[in-house]
Amino acid sequence: MKLYIKNMVCNRCKMVVKSELEKFGLNIVTVDLGKVEILEVSIENQKQELEKKIQLLGFELLDDKTSRTVERIKNLIIDLVHNQNTILKINLSQYLSQDLSQDYNTMSHLFSDVEGITIEHYFIAQKIEKVKELLFYDELSLSQIASKMQYSDIAHLSNQFKKVTGFTPTVFKNSKNKARIQIEDL
């Protein structure tokens, strides 16, 4: 059986959810961002109690297909931006369509209706948060960050960063208040 869980956005989330489900007595097969496969065929008798336990940790069980699709889109983007250090060889729409085996336009309309922003804006917001993180750590130059985040050049990164945050990357880097947003709040 597969359980779809909202707000699983990082490896630490995966560990917490796995631990909680094991404490609950479930047999885990696999744990991915937003999805856990268990050996049990049904958990209907335990579902309400399980929901309460994981809600205390900031997670939520997803039942309907729409919520699962939107959450899967978000998790794919988060994983792509924050966890994978690979260059995307196809565009984002192809990447999502291939993984979800769905038409991109359908997914795009669904995502916009539920989240109130486009998939592209969500992707950009995630990239900018990653750039903020990299600026905060001060280990890479702006040129290296632009390359790592697959921007064509520093000017493109700077323009997009300013459009989203209101600051240039340099002003942000030098500011004392380097406010970052939690991934799940984007």
Protein backbone atom coordinates (compact mmCIF):
# COMPACT_ATOMS: atom_id res chain seq x y z
CA MET A 1 0.00 0.00 0.00
CA LYS A 2 1.18 3.53 -0.73
CA LEU A 3 0.70 6.45 1.65
CA TYR A 4 0.99 9.97 0.27
CA ILE A 5 2.27 12.47 2.82
CA LYS A 6 2.29 16.25 2.52
CA ASN A 7 5.27 18.36 3.66
CA MET A 8 7.93 15.67 3.22
CA VAL A 9 10.44 17.97 1.59
CA CYS A 10 13.88 16.75 2.67
CA ASN A 11 15.87 13.71 3.70
CA ARG A 12 15.37 14.58 7.37
CA CYS A 13 11.59 14.52 6.78
CA LYS A 14 11.93 11.07 5.25
CA MET A 15 13.81 9.83 8.32
CA VAL A 16 11.26 11.31 10.74
CA VAL A 17 8.27 9.86 8.87
CA LYS A 18 9.93 6.45 8.54
CA SER A 19 10.73 6.40 12.24
CA GLU A 20 7.20 7.41 13.23
CA LEU A 21 5.58 4.83 10.95
CA GLU A 22 7.87 2.11 12.30
CA LYS A 23 6.97 3.14 15.88
CA PHE A 24 3.36 2.84 14.79
CA GLY A 25 4.08 -0.77 13.83
CA LEU A 26 3.95 -0.44 10.05
CA ASN A 27 6.34 -2.37 7.80
CA ILE A 28 8.15 0.07 5.52
CA VAL A 29 9.13 -0.98 1.99
CA THR A 30 10.35 2.38 0.61
CA VAL A 31 10.32 6.03 1.64
CA ASP A 32 10.45 8.80 -0.98
CA LEU A 33 9.64 12.48 -0.80
CA GLY A 34 5.89 12.60 -0.31
CA LYS A 35 5.34 8.86 -0.62
CA VAL A 36 5.80 5.81 1.61
CA GLU A 37 5.16 2.25 0.54
CA ILE A 38 4.21 -0.17 3.30
CA LEU A 39 3.60 -3.93 3.31
CA GLU A 40 0.19 -3.57 4.93
CA VAL A 41 -2.73 -3.81 2.50
CA SER A 42 -4.97 -1.50 4.54
CA ILE A 43 -4.68 0.80 7.56
CA GLU A 44 -8.32 1.96 7.69
CA ASN A 45 -8.69 0.94 11.36
CA GLN A 46 -5.55 2.90 12.33
CA LYS A 47 -5.81 5.78 9.90
CA GLN A 48 -7.21 8.46 12.23
CA GLU A 49 -4.66 7.73 14.94
CA LEU A 50 -1.83 7.73 12.38
CA GLU A 51 -3.04 11.04 10.95
CA LYS A 52 -2.96 12.64 14.41
CA LYS A 53 0.56 11.39 15.10
CA ILE A 54 2.06 12.64 11.87
CA GLN A 55 0.17 15.96 12.06
CA LEU A 56 1.96 16.63 15.35
CA LEU A 57 5.18 16.43 13.34
CA GLY A 58 3.93 18.83 10.64
CA PHE A 59 2.91 16.24 8.05
CA GLU A 60 -0.46 15.31 6.58
CA LEU A 61 -1.87 12.22 4.88
CA LEU A 62 -3.20 12.94 1.39
CA ASP A 63 -6.22 11.04 0.14
CA ASP A 64 -7.39 12.61 -3.09
CA LYS A 65 -5.61 12.33 -6.43
CA THR A 66 -5.45 16.11 -6.96
CA SER A 67 -3.60 16.70 -3.68
CA ARG A 68 -1.24 13.82 -4.39
CA THR A 69 -0.44 15.15 -7.87
CA VAL A 70 0.24 18.70 -6.64
CA GLU A 71 2.36 17.39 -3.76
CA ARG A 72 4.30 15.15 -6.15
CA ILE A 73 5.01 18.11 -8.45
CA LYS A 74 6.26 20.13 -5.48
CA ASN A 75 8.43 17.27 -4.24
CA LEU A 76 9.97 16.67 -7.67
CA ILE A 77 10.87 20.36 -7.94
CA ILE A 78 12.24 20.51 -4.40
CA ASP A 79 14.33 17.41 -4.98
CA LEU A 80 15.59 18.75 -8.30
CA VAL A 81 16.59 22.14 -6.88
CA HIS A 82 17.79 21.27 -3.38
CA ASN A 83 19.05 17.69 -3.52
CA GLN A 84 20.26 16.86 -7.02
CA ASN A 85 23.49 18.29 -8.26
CA THR A 86 22.82 17.25 -11.82
CA ILE A 87 22.10 19.38 -14.82
CA LEU A 88 18.57 18.99 -16.12
CA LYS A 89 19.05 17.91 -19.72
CA ILE A 90 15.38 18.44 -20.63
CA ASN A 91 13.10 21.30 -19.74
CA LEU A 92 11.05 21.28 -16.55
CA SER A 93 7.76 20.52 -18.28
CA GLN A 94 9.23 17.40 -19.93
CA TYR A 95 10.84 16.32 -16.66
CA LEU A 96 7.53 16.55 -14.75
CA SER A 97 5.49 14.99 -17.57
CA GLN A 98 7.84 12.03 -17.82
CA ASP A 99 7.93 11.37 -14.10
CA LEU A 100 4.19 11.75 -13.53
CA SER A 101 3.13 10.30 -16.90
CA GLN A 102 0.69 13.18 -17.37
CA ASP A 103 0.18 16.01 -19.82
CA TYR A 104 2.03 19.12 -18.64
CA ASN A 105 -0.82 21.52 -19.48
CA THR A 106 -3.22 19.49 -17.33
CA MET A 107 -0.73 19.42 -14.46
CA SER A 108 -0.04 23.12 -14.86
CA HIS A 109 -3.72 24.10 -14.64
CA LEU A 110 -4.26 21.78 -11.67
CA PHE A 111 -1.20 23.16 -9.85
CA SER A 112 -2.20 26.79 -10.48
CA ASP A 113 -5.77 26.17 -9.31
CA VAL A 114 -4.63 24.53 -6.07
CA GLU A 115 -1.54 26.58 -5.23
CA GLY A 116 -2.44 29.95 -6.72
CA ILE A 117 0.88 30.21 -8.60
CA THR A 118 2.29 28.59 -11.70
CA ILE A 119 4.68 25.65 -11.64
CA GLU A 120 7.32 27.92 -13.18
CA HIS A 121 6.96 30.51 -10.40
CA TYR A 122 7.17 27.76 -7.80
CA PHE A 123 10.34 26.44 -9.48
CA ILE A 124 11.87 29.93 -9.53
CA ALA A 125 10.99 30.48 -5.85
CA GLN A 126 12.74 27.22 -4.96
CA LYS A 127 15.81 28.19 -6.99
CA ILE A 128 15.98 31.61 -5.31
CA GLU A 129 15.76 30.00 -1.85
CA LYS A 130 18.65 27.73 -2.80
CA VAL A 131 20.61 30.75 -4.01
CA LYS A 132 19.92 32.48 -0.66
CA GLU A 133 21.25 29.40 1.12
CA LEU A 134 24.40 29.36 -0.99
CA LEU A 135 24.92 33.11 -0.43
CA PHE A 136 24.41 32.63 3.30
CA TYR A 137 27.12 29.96 3.50
CA ASP A 138 29.51 32.23 1.55
CA GLU A 139 31.47 29.31 0.08
CA LEU A 140 30.86 29.99 -3.62
CA SER A 141 31.25 33.07 -5.76
CA LEU A 142 28.18 34.52 -7.48
CA SER A 143 29.52 33.16 -10.76
CA GLN A 144 29.80 29.65 -9.27
CA ILE A 145 26.30 29.91 -7.81
CA ALA A 146 24.90 30.99 -11.19
CA SER A 147 26.55 28.01 -12.84
CA LYS A 148 25.48 25.56 -10.13
CA MET A 149 21.86 26.76 -10.34
CA GLN A 150 21.93 26.60 -14.16
CA TYR A 151 21.54 30.30 -14.87
CA SER A 152 22.96 31.41 -18.20
CA ASP A 153 25.02 34.12 -16.50
CA ILE A 154 25.29 36.29 -13.37
CA ALA A 155 23.04 38.98 -14.87
CA HIS A 156 20.19 36.48 -15.36
CA LEU A 157 20.56 35.25 -11.77
CA SER A 158 20.74 38.81 -10.41
CA ASN A 159 17.67 39.96 -12.35
CA GLN A 160 15.58 37.00 -11.23
CA PHE A 161 16.82 37.28 -7.64
CA LYS A 162 15.93 40.96 -7.48
CA LYS A 163 12.52 40.35 -9.07
CA VAL A 164 11.68 37.77 -6.37
CA THR A 165 13.34 39.29 -3.29
CA GLY A 166 13.59 43.00 -4.07
CA PHE A 167 17.36 42.88 -3.48
CA THR A 168 20.37 42.10 -5.60
CA PRO A 169 22.32 39.01 -4.52
CA THR A 170 25.18 41.24 -3.33
CA VAL A 171 22.89 43.42 -1.19
CA PHE A 172 21.29 40.28 0.26
CA LYS A 173 24.68 38.70 0.97
CA ASN A 174 25.92 41.85 2.75
CA SER A 175 22.72 42.45 4.74
CA LYS A 176 22.55 41.56 8.41
CA ASN A 177 19.01 40.16 8.03
CA LYS A 178 19.40 37.24 5.67
CA ALA A 179 15.83 36.04 5.94
CA ARG A 180 15.20 32.67 4.38
CA ILE A 181 11.88 30.91 3.88
CA GLN A 182 11.30 27.29 4.84
CA ILE A 183 10.90 25.07 1.80
CA GLU A 184 7.45 23.87 2.76
CA ASP A 185 6.24 27.48 3.14
CA LEU A 186 7.07 28.47 -0.44
